[in-house]
Structures are given as C-alpha cells and as structure tokens.
C-alpha atoms as a PDB file:
ATOM      1  CA  MET A   1     -44.515   1.772-159.188  1.00  0.00           C
ATOM      2  CA  SER A   2     -43.380   3.887-156.257  1.00  0.00           C
ATOM      3  CA  LYS A   3     -40.852   6.712-156.524  1.00  0.00           C
ATOM      4  CA  LYS A   4     -38.433   4.579-154.500  1.00  0.00           C
ATOM      5  CA  GLN A   5     -38.580   1.794-157.102  1.00  0.00           C
ATOM      6  CA  GLU A   6     -38.495   4.000-160.177  1.00  0.00           C
ATOM      7  CA  MET A   7     -35.376   5.925-161.138  1.00  0.00           C
ATOM      8  CA  SER A   8     -34.992   8.192-164.094  1.00  0.00           C
ATOM      9  CA  VAL A   9     -32.098  10.084-165.645  1.00  0.00           C
ATOM     10  CA  TYR A  10     -31.972  12.515-168.547  1.00  0.00           C
ATOM     11  CA  ILE A  11     -29.054  12.650-170.974  1.00  0.00           C
ATOM     12  CA  GLU A  12     -28.676  15.304-173.668  1.00  0.00           C
ATOM     13  CA  SER A  13     -26.026  15.682-176.376  1.00  0.00           C
ATOM     14  CA  LYS A  14     -24.056  18.934-176.231  1.00  0.00           C
ATOM     15  CA  ASN A  15     -22.059  18.778-179.451  1.00  0.00           C
ATOM     16  CA  GLU A  16     -21.515  16.714-182.593  1.00  0.00           C
ATOM     17  CA  LYS A  17     -18.958  14.506-180.824  1.00  0.00           C
ATOM     18  CA  MET A  18     -19.550  12.575-177.608  1.00  0.00           C
ATOM     19  CA  HIS A  19     -20.162  15.311-175.033  1.00  0.00           C
ATOM     20  CA  TYR A  20     -23.378  14.848-173.071  1.00  0.00           C
ATOM     21  CA  HIS A  21     -24.962  16.335-169.990  1.00  0.00           C
ATOM     22  CA  GLY A  22     -26.613  13.941-167.582  1.00  0.00           C
ATOM     23  CA  ASN A  23     -28.997  14.730-164.790  1.00  0.00           C
ATOM     24  CA  ALA A  24     -31.065  12.809-162.259  1.00  0.00           C
ATOM     25  CA  ASP A  25     -33.919  14.373-160.288  1.00  0.00           C
ATOM     26  CA  ASP A  26     -32.754  17.955-160.869  1.00  0.00           C
ATOM     27  CA  GLN A  27     -29.405  17.344-159.185  1.00  0.00           C
ATOM     28  CA  THR A  28     -26.124  18.860-160.379  1.00  0.00           C
ATOM     29  CA  THR A  29     -25.492  18.213-164.066  1.00  0.00           C
ATOM     30  CA  ILE A  30     -22.769  15.694-164.826  1.00  0.00           C
ATOM     31  CA  ASN A  31     -20.554  16.134-167.879  1.00  0.00           C
ATOM     32  CA  ILE A  32     -20.106  12.906-169.813  1.00  0.00           C
ATOM     33  CA  ASP A  33     -17.582  12.770-172.628  1.00  0.00           C
ATOM     34  CA  TYR A  34     -14.907  10.638-174.195  1.00  0.00           C
ATOM     35  CA  ILE A  35     -11.227  11.171-174.824  1.00  0.00           C
ATOM     36  CA  ALA A  36      -9.942  12.686-178.078  1.00  0.00           C
ATOM     37  CA  PRO A  37     -10.315  12.241-180.963  1.00  0.00           C
ATOM     38  CA  ASN A  38     -13.854  10.868-180.452  1.00  0.00           C
ATOM     39  CA  GLY A  39     -14.633  13.305-177.665  1.00  0.00           C
ATOM     40  CA  ASP A  40     -13.183  16.446-176.151  1.00  0.00           C
ATOM     41  CA  ASP A  41     -12.356  15.020-172.701  1.00  0.00           C
ATOM     42  CA  ASN A  42     -14.852  17.411-171.077  1.00  0.00           C
ATOM     43  CA  GLY A  43     -16.272  14.969-168.565  1.00  0.00           C
ATOM     44  CA  HIS A  44     -16.344  11.482-167.157  1.00  0.00           C
ATOM     45  CA  THR A  45     -16.531   8.506-169.482  1.00  0.00           C
ATOM     46  CA  PRO A  46     -19.440   6.102-168.981  1.00  0.00           C
ATOM     47  CA  LEU A  47     -17.060   3.480-167.569  1.00  0.00           C
ATOM     48  CA  GLU A  48     -15.649   5.997-165.076  1.00  0.00           C
ATOM     49  CA  LEU A  49     -19.212   6.699-163.967  1.00  0.00           C
ATOM     50  CA  LEU A  50     -19.739   2.965-163.516  1.00  0.00           C
ATOM     51  CA  LEU A  51     -16.647   2.774-161.272  1.00  0.00           C
ATOM     52  CA  LEU A  52     -17.857   5.810-159.293  1.00  0.00           C
ATOM     53  CA  SER A  53     -21.256   4.197-158.911  1.00  0.00           C
ATOM     54  CA  LEU A  54     -19.816   0.893-157.697  1.00  0.00           C
ATOM     55  CA  GLY A  55     -17.349   2.486-155.278  1.00  0.00           C
ATOM     56  CA  SER A  56     -19.877   4.887-153.788  1.00  0.00           C
ATOM     57  CA  CYS A  57     -22.484   2.135-153.435  1.00  0.00           C
ATOM     58  CA  ILE A  58     -20.048  -0.151-151.592  1.00  0.00           C
ATOM     59  CA  ALA A  59     -18.754   2.647-149.351  1.00  0.00           C
ATOM     60  CA  MET A  60     -22.255   3.909-148.522  1.00  0.00           C
ATOM     61  CA  SER A  61     -23.627   0.416-147.850  1.00  0.00           C
ATOM     62  CA  VAL A  62     -20.731  -0.648-145.643  1.00  0.00           C
ATOM     63  CA  THR A  63     -20.482   2.565-143.622  1.00  0.00           C
ATOM     64  CA  THR A  64     -24.255   2.768-143.113  1.00  0.00           C
ATOM     65  CA  MET A  65     -24.456  -0.801-141.849  1.00  0.00           C
ATOM     66  CA  LEU A  66     -21.464  -0.297-139.537  1.00  0.00           C
ATOM     67  CA  ARG A  67     -22.942   2.905-138.105  1.00  0.00           C
ATOM     68  CA  ASN A  68     -26.260   1.110-137.602  1.00  0.00           C
ATOM     69  CA  ARG A  69     -24.278  -1.369-135.505  1.00  0.00           C
ATOM     70  CA  HIS A  70     -23.081   1.580-133.385  1.00  0.00           C
ATOM     71  CA  LYS A  71     -19.571   1.611-134.817  1.00  0.00           C
ATOM     72  CA  THR A  72     -17.850   4.962-135.139  1.00  0.00           C
ATOM     73  CA  ILE A  73     -16.726   5.724-138.681  1.00  0.00           C
ATOM     74  CA  GLU A  74     -14.771   8.973-138.742  1.00  0.00           C
ATOM     75  CA  SER A  75     -14.480   8.812-142.521  1.00  0.00           C
ATOM     76  CA  ALA A  76     -14.133   6.441-145.435  1.00  0.00           C
ATOM     77  CA  THR A  77     -12.423   6.553-148.802  1.00  0.00           C
ATOM     78  CA  CYS A  78     -12.774   4.214-151.726  1.00  0.00           C
ATOM     79  CA  HIS A  79     -10.360   3.768-154.638  1.00  0.00           C
ATOM     80  CA  VAL A  80     -11.667   1.775-157.595  1.00  0.00           C
ATOM     81  CA  LYS A  81      -9.676   0.555-160.601  1.00  0.00           C
ATOM     82  CA  GLY A  82     -11.134  -1.143-163.635  1.00  0.00           C
ATOM     83  CA  PHE A  83      -9.081  -3.296-166.000  1.00  0.00           C
ATOM     84  CA  ARG A  84     -10.488  -3.468-169.517  1.00  0.00           C
ATOM     85  CA  ARG A  85     -10.340  -6.188-172.121  1.00  0.00           C
ATOM     86  CA  ASP A  86      -7.907  -5.675-175.016  1.00  0.00           C
ATOM     87  CA  MET A  87     -10.500  -6.477-177.683  1.00  0.00           C
ATOM     88  CA  GLN A  88     -14.082  -5.415-178.360  1.00  0.00           C
ATOM     89  CA  PRO A  89     -16.145  -5.127-176.349  1.00  0.00           C
ATOM     90  CA  THR A  90     -13.628  -3.359-174.108  1.00  0.00           C
ATOM     91  CA  ASN A  91     -15.646  -3.849-170.956  1.00  0.00           C
ATOM     92  CA  PHE A  92     -14.034  -4.495-167.591  1.00  0.00           C
ATOM     93  CA  GLU A  93     -12.602  -7.936-166.939  1.00  0.00           C
ATOM     94  CA  VAL A  94     -11.634  -7.116-163.354  1.00  0.00           C
ATOM     95  CA  ILE A  95     -12.545  -4.326-160.975  1.00  0.00           C
ATOM     96  CA  LYS A  96     -10.479  -3.788-157.831  1.00  0.00           C
ATOM     97  CA  VAL A  97     -11.969  -1.836-154.947  1.00  0.00           C
ATOM     98  CA  GLN A  98      -9.954  -0.620-151.950  1.00  0.00           C
ATOM     99  CA  LEU A  99     -12.082   0.660-149.076  1.00  0.00           C
ATOM    100  CA  ASP A 100     -10.302   2.569-146.311  1.00  0.00           C
ATOM    101  CA  LEU A 101     -12.244   2.937-143.087  1.00  0.00           C
ATOM    102  CA  PHE A 102     -11.119   5.343-140.391  1.00  0.00           C
ATOM    103  CA  SER A 103     -12.348   4.103-137.017  1.00  0.00           C
ATOM    104  CA  ASN A 104     -11.090   3.334-133.533  1.00  0.00           C
ATOM    105  CA  ASP A 105     -13.659   0.662-132.717  1.00  0.00           C
ATOM    106  CA  LEU A 106     -13.878  -1.538-135.833  1.00  0.00           C
ATOM    107  CA  THR A 107     -12.711  -5.131-136.092  1.00  0.00           C
ATOM    108  CA  ASP A 108     -12.111  -7.271-139.171  1.00  0.00           C
ATOM    109  CA  LYS A 109     -15.095  -9.379-138.140  1.00  0.00           C
ATOM    110  CA  ASP A 110     -17.350  -6.280-138.170  1.00  0.00           C
ATOM    111  CA  VAL A 111     -16.274  -5.314-141.673  1.00  0.00           C
ATOM    112  CA  GLN A 112     -16.344  -8.828-143.110  1.00  0.00           C
ATOM    113  CA  LYS A 113     -19.898  -9.336-141.882  1.00  0.00           C
ATOM    114  CA  VAL A 114     -21.280  -6.171-143.488  1.00  0.00           C
ATOM    115  CA  MET A 115     -19.177  -6.661-146.630  1.00  0.00           C
ATOM    116  CA  LYS A 116     -20.935  -9.991-147.209  1.00  0.00           C
ATOM    117  CA  ILE A 117     -24.344  -8.344-146.790  1.00  0.00           C
ATOM    118  CA  ALA A 118     -23.330  -5.486-149.093  1.00  0.00           C
ATOM    119  CA  LYS A 119     -22.335  -7.918-151.834  1.00  0.00           C
ATOM    120  CA  GLU A 120     -25.424 -10.090-151.507  1.00  0.00           C
ATOM    121  CA  LYS A 121     -28.157  -7.490-151.088  1.00  0.00           C
ATOM    122  CA  ALA A 122     -27.370  -4.063-149.628  1.00  0.00           C
ATOM    123  CA  CYS A 123     -25.375  -2.658-152.568  1.00  0.00           C
ATOM    124  CA  PRO A 124     -27.485  -3.011-155.726  1.00  0.00           C
ATOM    125  CA  VAL A 125     -24.659  -1.957-158.048  1.00  0.00           C
ATOM    126  CA  TRP A 126     -22.310  -4.675-156.716  1.00  0.00           C
ATOM    127  CA  ASN A 127     -25.152  -7.173-156.831  1.00  0.00           C
ATOM    128  CA  MET A 128     -25.893  -6.376-160.501  1.00  0.00           C
ATOM    129  CA  LEU A 129     -22.261  -6.550-161.597  1.00  0.00           C
ATOM    130  CA  LYS A 130     -20.920  -9.467-159.549  1.00  0.00           C
ATOM    131  CA  ASN A 131     -21.926 -12.148-162.077  1.00  0.00           C
ATOM    132  CA  THR A 132     -20.564 -10.305-165.121  1.00  0.00           C
ATOM    133  CA  VAL A 133     -17.164  -9.056-163.954  1.00  0.00           C
ATOM    134  CA  GLU A 134     -14.678 -10.148-161.310  1.00  0.00           C
ATOM    135  CA  ILE A 135     -14.886  -7.668-158.437  1.00  0.00           C
ATOM    136  CA  ASP A 136     -12.104  -7.838-155.856  1.00  0.00           C
ATOM    137  CA  VAL A 137     -12.899  -5.777-152.754  1.00  0.00           C
ATOM    138  CA  THR A 138     -10.298  -5.232-150.049  1.00  0.00           C
ATOM    139  CA  TYR A 139     -10.393  -2.970-147.035  1.00  0.00           C
ATOM    140  CA  THR A 140      -8.090  -1.450-144.465  1.00  0.00           C
ATOM    141  CA  ILE A 141      -9.080  -0.229-141.033  1.00  0.00           C
ATOM    142  CA  HIS A 142      -7.138   2.881-140.014  1.00  0.00           C
ATOM    143  CA  GLN A 143      -6.928   4.086-136.446  1.00  0.00           C
ATOM    144  CA  TYR A 144      -7.177   7.843-136.066  1.00  0.00           C
ATOM    145  CA  SER A 145      -6.280  10.172-133.245  1.00  0.00           C
END
C-alpha cells in the first residue's frame, strides 16, 4: 500500500480522565479531551474534530477545484454546526456547513458544479459521512475590494 493510501495517527492518554494527545506524521500535537466532569476541557472533543475535518475537507476541495478552473479565491471560511441526538448514541443527526467564498469572478454555477464533485468524490470525509448523517451545505459568494 502506498504512503498516499495509508494514513496513520497516534493517540496517547495523558491522564486518568479523557485527555489525550493525538499526532499524525509528526505534525503539531492535538489535544483531545472532554468536558467536565469526565474530562478537563483541555482540548477538542472527538466530535469537534469530526466537524473540523468535514469543514476543512469541503473548503479545501471546493477552493482547489475552483482555482484549478482559474477562478480567483481571495479567501474562504467555513462554519460547521453539528446537532446531536438526545439519546444514546449521541451522534450527529444533522450537520450544517456554511462556506463563505471571497471572490470577484465566481458565479453560482461555478460553485454548484464543484460542490457536486466535492460531495461525490473529491472530499472523502463528506463522501464517508453523507449516507449516515444529513449534511446541509450552503455557500455565499462575497465580493471583495
């Protein structure tokens, strides 16, 4: 299996509660923890990391494809909200993603086209989750000066 196909992370407990350090390929260590009383709130929860992963994957996929189509993307922001079930398991029922694209030459048609490709194949996180949780992605194109 090639390095591109294989991914590996390392997670190590840091205390007797739920504080862990996570690392992938010698990158910056990520603090993973849970809220009190089970944890000490010293890091991101696993579900927050999932939302970060989904939002960054969508933003990176969309902006890369738009730039490959010679569109100018000054910047992009992504706000992701997850809505959990009331009972166990308290996984997400719905995830809402708002992508804000700052560009003077984008059209709705441009974004809709790459958004479809991102969902179907370019964003592996979205592709893995789309059949297990409702994911509602919206976008806004902002003109900048």
